[in-house]
Amino acid sequence: MKFTPRKINLYLLAKLPSAFITGIRVKVISDNSAVINVKHRWINQNPFKSMFWAVQGMAAEFSTGILMVKKIKDSGKKVSMLVTNMNATFTKKATGKIEFRCDEGDLIEKAIATAVETGEGQVILLHSEGINEEGISVSKFEFEWSIKVKP
């Protein structure tokens, strides 16, 4: 699959329908970053009329995960990946359009290179922050990914 926002969004519809239905969309995918948008709507709100924390978590995880998938594909190696831990902080009600961004492609590339060179699994900590339309942080996520080169 070519890594364009349109193709990735079609992939969401086919393989991750809950993310697609809740409004998660890839805005940008590049060598070093992934930007995911999600808009607060009836389908993804909590009883307090803000975005449900799990929808924010899906968007945040997707921003780190799709960047990881792109870097693995670019490496030409078969590498397995798994989230082994997650931490989140919520600082403001998430309403309107929220943008989740991960700019840590260089860290992913280094971890993959180390895994390929040593043959040992690697753990990498990736971050994604949700920013609202006013430029205010509404949530911060930290995902611990484990990667291992397949034989």
C-alpha atoms as a PDB file:
ATOM      1  CA  MET A   1       0.000   0.000   0.000  1.00  0.00           C
ATOM      2  CA  LYS A   2       1.234   3.482  -0.846  1.00  0.00           C
ATOM      3  CA  PHE A   3       1.232   5.735   2.204  1.00  0.00           C
ATOM      4  CA  THR A   4      -1.096   8.580   1.321  1.00  0.00           C
ATOM      5  CA  PRO A   5      -3.767   9.999   3.632  1.00  0.00           C
ATOM      6  CA  ARG A   6      -6.528   8.923   1.226  1.00  0.00           C
ATOM      7  CA  LYS A   7      -5.344   5.302   1.025  1.00  0.00           C
ATOM      8  CA  ILE A   8      -4.821   5.084   4.769  1.00  0.00           C
ATOM      9  CA  ASN A   9      -8.319   6.468   5.390  1.00  0.00           C
ATOM     10  CA  LEU A  10      -9.755   3.807   3.057  1.00  0.00           C
ATOM     11  CA  TYR A  11      -7.760   1.230   5.043  1.00  0.00           C
ATOM     12  CA  LEU A  12      -9.415   2.576   8.212  1.00  0.00           C
ATOM     13  CA  LEU A  13     -12.843   2.035   6.688  1.00  0.00           C
ATOM     14  CA  ALA A  14     -12.013  -1.551   5.696  1.00  0.00           C
ATOM     15  CA  LYS A  15      -9.942  -2.729   8.674  1.00  0.00           C
ATOM     16  CA  LEU A  16     -10.716  -0.393  11.604  1.00  0.00           C
ATOM     17  CA  PRO A  17     -14.356   0.610  11.106  1.00  0.00           C
ATOM     18  CA  SER A  18     -14.793   1.872  14.686  1.00  0.00           C
ATOM     19  CA  ALA A  19     -12.018   4.418  14.127  1.00  0.00           C
ATOM     20  CA  PHE A  20     -13.524   5.443  10.786  1.00  0.00           C
ATOM     21  CA  ILE A  21     -17.070   5.757  12.158  1.00  0.00           C
ATOM     22  CA  THR A  22     -15.905   7.929  15.061  1.00  0.00           C
ATOM     23  CA  GLY A  23     -14.335  10.351  12.572  1.00  0.00           C
ATOM     24  CA  ILE A  24     -10.610   9.590  12.816  1.00  0.00           C
ATOM     25  CA  ARG A  25      -8.839  10.679   9.628  1.00  0.00           C
ATOM     26  CA  VAL A  26      -5.225  10.896   8.532  1.00  0.00           C
ATOM     27  CA  LYS A  27      -4.358  14.449   7.537  1.00  0.00           C
ATOM     28  CA  VAL A  28      -0.608  14.118   6.899  1.00  0.00           C
ATOM     29  CA  ILE A  29       1.878  11.243   6.717  1.00  0.00           C
ATOM     30  CA  SER A  30       5.533  11.987   6.014  1.00  0.00           C
ATOM     31  CA  ASP A  31       8.939  10.500   6.795  1.00  0.00           C
ATOM     32  CA  ASN A  32       9.044  12.021  10.262  1.00  0.00           C
ATOM     33  CA  SER A  33       5.472  12.717  11.299  1.00  0.00           C
ATOM     34  CA  ALA A  34       1.854  11.677  11.201  1.00  0.00           C
ATOM     35  CA  VAL A  35      -1.074  13.992  11.848  1.00  0.00           C
ATOM     36  CA  ILE A  36      -4.507  12.591  12.653  1.00  0.00           C
ATOM     37  CA  ASN A  37      -7.690  14.684  12.918  1.00  0.00           C
ATOM     38  CA  VAL A  38     -10.889  13.855  14.734  1.00  0.00           C
ATOM     39  CA  LYS A  39     -13.880  16.141  15.231  1.00  0.00           C
ATOM     40  CA  HIS A  40     -16.118  16.058  18.288  1.00  0.00           C
ATOM     41  CA  ARG A  41     -19.510  14.765  17.166  1.00  0.00           C
ATOM     42  CA  TRP A  42     -22.487  12.962  18.655  1.00  0.00           C
ATOM     43  CA  ILE A  43     -21.059   9.531  17.739  1.00  0.00           C
ATOM     44  CA  ASN A  44     -17.820  10.064  19.703  1.00  0.00           C
ATOM     45  CA  GLN A  45     -18.965  12.090  22.696  1.00  0.00           C
ATOM     46  CA  ASN A  46     -19.192  11.159  26.353  1.00  0.00           C
ATOM     47  CA  PRO A  47     -22.075  12.138  28.704  1.00  0.00           C
ATOM     48  CA  PHE A  48     -20.247  15.407  29.491  1.00  0.00           C
ATOM     49  CA  LYS A  49     -20.525  16.613  25.877  1.00  0.00           C
ATOM     50  CA  SER A  50     -16.845  16.288  25.038  1.00  0.00           C
ATOM     51  CA  MET A  51     -14.920  13.684  23.077  1.00  0.00           C
ATOM     52  CA  PHE A  52     -14.758  10.268  24.724  1.00  0.00           C
ATOM     53  CA  TRP A  53     -11.268   9.474  26.011  1.00  0.00           C
ATOM     54  CA  ALA A  54     -11.106   6.220  24.030  1.00  0.00           C
ATOM     55  CA  VAL A  55     -11.631   8.052  20.725  1.00  0.00           C
ATOM     56  CA  GLN A  56      -8.770  10.372  21.628  1.00  0.00           C
ATOM     57  CA  GLY A  57      -6.720   7.280  22.465  1.00  0.00           C
ATOM     58  CA  MET A  58      -7.486   5.664  19.098  1.00  0.00           C
ATOM     59  CA  ALA A  59      -6.432   8.806  17.231  1.00  0.00           C
ATOM     60  CA  ALA A  60      -3.285   9.211  19.325  1.00  0.00           C
ATOM     61  CA  GLU A  61      -2.294   5.559  18.961  1.00  0.00           C
ATOM     62  CA  PHE A  62      -2.951   5.705  15.229  1.00  0.00           C
ATOM     63  CA  SER A  63      -0.614   8.693  14.871  1.00  0.00           C
ATOM     64  CA  THR A  64       2.232   6.671  16.410  1.00  0.00           C
ATOM     65  CA  GLY A  65       1.261   3.332  14.866  1.00  0.00           C
ATOM     66  CA  ILE A  66       0.863   4.445  11.256  1.00  0.00           C
ATOM     67  CA  LEU A  67       4.249   6.179  11.446  1.00  0.00           C
ATOM     68  CA  MET A  68       5.723   2.930  12.797  1.00  0.00           C
ATOM     69  CA  VAL A  69       4.113   0.934   9.961  1.00  0.00           C
ATOM     70  CA  LYS A  70       5.516   3.376   7.384  1.00  0.00           C
ATOM     71  CA  LYS A  71       9.039   3.148   8.818  1.00  0.00           C
ATOM     72  CA  ILE A  72       8.875  -0.661   8.911  1.00  0.00           C
ATOM     73  CA  LYS A  73       7.717  -0.744   5.277  1.00  0.00           C
ATOM     74  CA  ASP A  74      10.505   1.674   4.302  1.00  0.00           C
ATOM     75  CA  SER A  75      13.081  -0.576   6.010  1.00  0.00           C
ATOM     76  CA  GLY A  76      12.186  -3.521   3.784  1.00  0.00           C
ATOM     77  CA  LYS A  77      12.362  -5.866   6.793  1.00  0.00           C
ATOM     78  CA  LYS A  78       9.654  -7.967   8.408  1.00  0.00           C
ATOM     79  CA  VAL A  79       9.140  -6.471  11.851  1.00  0.00           C
ATOM     80  CA  SER A  80       6.392  -7.216  14.361  1.00  0.00           C
ATOM     81  CA  MET A  81       5.040  -4.415  16.531  1.00  0.00           C
ATOM     82  CA  LEU A  82       2.885  -4.320  19.639  1.00  0.00           C
ATOM     83  CA  VAL A  83       1.778  -1.686  22.141  1.00  0.00           C
ATOM     84  CA  THR A  84       2.964  -2.919  25.534  1.00  0.00           C
ATOM     85  CA  ASN A  85       2.034   0.073  27.680  1.00  0.00           C
ATOM     86  CA  MET A  86       0.144   3.362  27.443  1.00  0.00           C
ATOM     87  CA  ASN A  87      -0.169   6.453  29.603  1.00  0.00           C
ATOM     88  CA  ALA A  88      -2.452   9.450  29.084  1.00  0.00           C
ATOM     89  CA  THR A  89      -3.095  12.850  30.624  1.00  0.00           C
ATOM     90  CA  PHE A  90      -6.227  14.876  29.923  1.00  0.00           C
ATOM     91  CA  THR A  91      -6.013  18.627  30.542  1.00  0.00           C
ATOM     92  CA  LYS A  92      -9.080  20.177  28.864  1.00  0.00           C
ATOM     93  CA  LYS A  93     -12.446  19.111  27.452  1.00  0.00           C
ATOM     94  CA  ALA A  94     -11.962  17.940  23.881  1.00  0.00           C
ATOM     95  CA  THR A  95     -14.504  19.714  21.691  1.00  0.00           C
ATOM     96  CA  GLY A  96     -14.287  20.875  18.103  1.00  0.00           C
ATOM     97  CA  LYS A  97     -11.562  19.515  15.848  1.00  0.00           C
ATOM     98  CA  ILE A  98      -8.617  17.872  17.634  1.00  0.00           C
ATOM     99  CA  GLU A  99      -5.301  17.181  15.913  1.00  0.00           C
ATOM    100  CA  PHE A 100      -3.028  14.397  17.145  1.00  0.00           C
ATOM    101  CA  ARG A 101       0.572  14.564  15.999  1.00  0.00           C
ATOM    102  CA  CYS A 102       3.572  12.274  16.348  1.00  0.00           C
ATOM    103  CA  ASP A 103       6.883  13.704  15.105  1.00  0.00           C
ATOM    104  CA  GLU A 104       9.210  10.899  16.170  1.00  0.00           C
ATOM    105  CA  GLY A 105       9.971   9.107  12.912  1.00  0.00           C
ATOM    106  CA  ASP A 106      13.704   9.428  13.569  1.00  0.00           C
ATOM    107  CA  LEU A 107      13.371   7.499  16.865  1.00  0.00           C
ATOM    108  CA  ILE A 108      11.435   4.752  15.120  1.00  0.00           C
ATOM    109  CA  GLU A 109      14.058   4.505  12.382  1.00  0.00           C
ATOM    110  CA  LYS A 110      16.866   4.160  14.956  1.00  0.00           C
ATOM    111  CA  ALA A 111      14.970   1.482  16.894  1.00  0.00           C
ATOM    112  CA  ILE A 112      14.318  -0.532  13.721  1.00  0.00           C
ATOM    113  CA  ALA A 113      17.985  -0.251  12.703  1.00  0.00           C
ATOM    114  CA  THR A 114      19.075  -1.460  16.153  1.00  0.00           C
ATOM    115  CA  ALA A 115      16.615  -4.363  16.049  1.00  0.00           C
ATOM    116  CA  VAL A 116      17.868  -5.389  12.591  1.00  0.00           C
ATOM    117  CA  GLU A 117      21.538  -5.043  13.606  1.00  0.00           C
ATOM    118  CA  THR A 118      21.304  -6.885  16.938  1.00  0.00           C
ATOM    119  CA  GLY A 119      18.462  -9.297  16.211  1.00  0.00           C
ATOM    120  CA  GLU A 120      16.983  -8.349  19.591  1.00  0.00           C
ATOM    121  CA  GLY A 121      13.611  -6.827  20.303  1.00  0.00           C
ATOM    122  CA  GLN A 122      13.505  -3.115  21.015  1.00  0.00           C
ATOM    123  CA  VAL A 123      11.188  -0.938  23.066  1.00  0.00           C
ATOM    124  CA  ILE A 124      10.418   2.578  21.898  1.00  0.00           C
ATOM    125  CA  LEU A 125       8.400   5.281  23.652  1.00  0.00           C
ATOM    126  CA  LEU A 126       6.357   7.453  21.276  1.00  0.00           C
ATOM    127  CA  HIS A 127       4.279  10.520  22.097  1.00  0.00           C
ATOM    128  CA  SER A 128       1.160  12.074  20.613  1.00  0.00           C
ATOM    129  CA  GLU A 129      -0.501  15.265  21.773  1.00  0.00           C
ATOM    130  CA  GLY A 130      -4.071  16.354  21.069  1.00  0.00           C
ATOM    131  CA  ILE A 131      -4.336  20.038  20.191  1.00  0.00           C
ATOM    132  CA  ASN A 132      -7.667  21.812  19.720  1.00  0.00           C
ATOM    133  CA  GLU A 133      -8.499  24.513  17.159  1.00  0.00           C
ATOM    134  CA  GLU A 134      -7.314  27.248  19.542  1.00  0.00           C
ATOM    135  CA  GLY A 135      -3.889  25.617  19.779  1.00  0.00           C
ATOM    136  CA  ILE A 136      -4.480  24.388  23.338  1.00  0.00           C
ATOM    137  CA  SER A 137      -3.390  20.926  24.436  1.00  0.00           C
ATOM    138  CA  VAL A 138      -6.335  18.758  25.484  1.00  0.00           C
ATOM    139  CA  SER A 139      -4.527  15.454  26.012  1.00  0.00           C
ATOM    140  CA  LYS A 140      -1.103  13.842  25.893  1.00  0.00           C
ATOM    141  CA  PHE A 141      -0.475  10.183  25.203  1.00  0.00           C
ATOM    142  CA  GLU A 142       2.625   8.063  25.602  1.00  0.00           C
ATOM    143  CA  PHE A 143       2.747   4.654  23.906  1.00  0.00           C
ATOM    144  CA  GLU A 144       5.379   2.029  24.586  1.00  0.00           C
ATOM    145  CA  TRP A 145       5.884  -0.021  21.427  1.00  0.00           C
ATOM    146  CA  SER A 146       7.789  -3.284  21.290  1.00  0.00           C
ATOM    147  CA  ILE A 147       9.322  -4.234  17.953  1.00  0.00           C
ATOM    148  CA  LYS A 148      11.108  -7.383  16.877  1.00  0.00           C
ATOM    149  CA  VAL A 149      12.545  -8.480  13.538  1.00  0.00           C
ATOM    150  CA  LYS A 150      10.861 -11.615  12.271  1.00  0.00           C
ATOM    151  CA  PRO A 151      13.117 -14.489  11.121  1.00  0.00           C
END
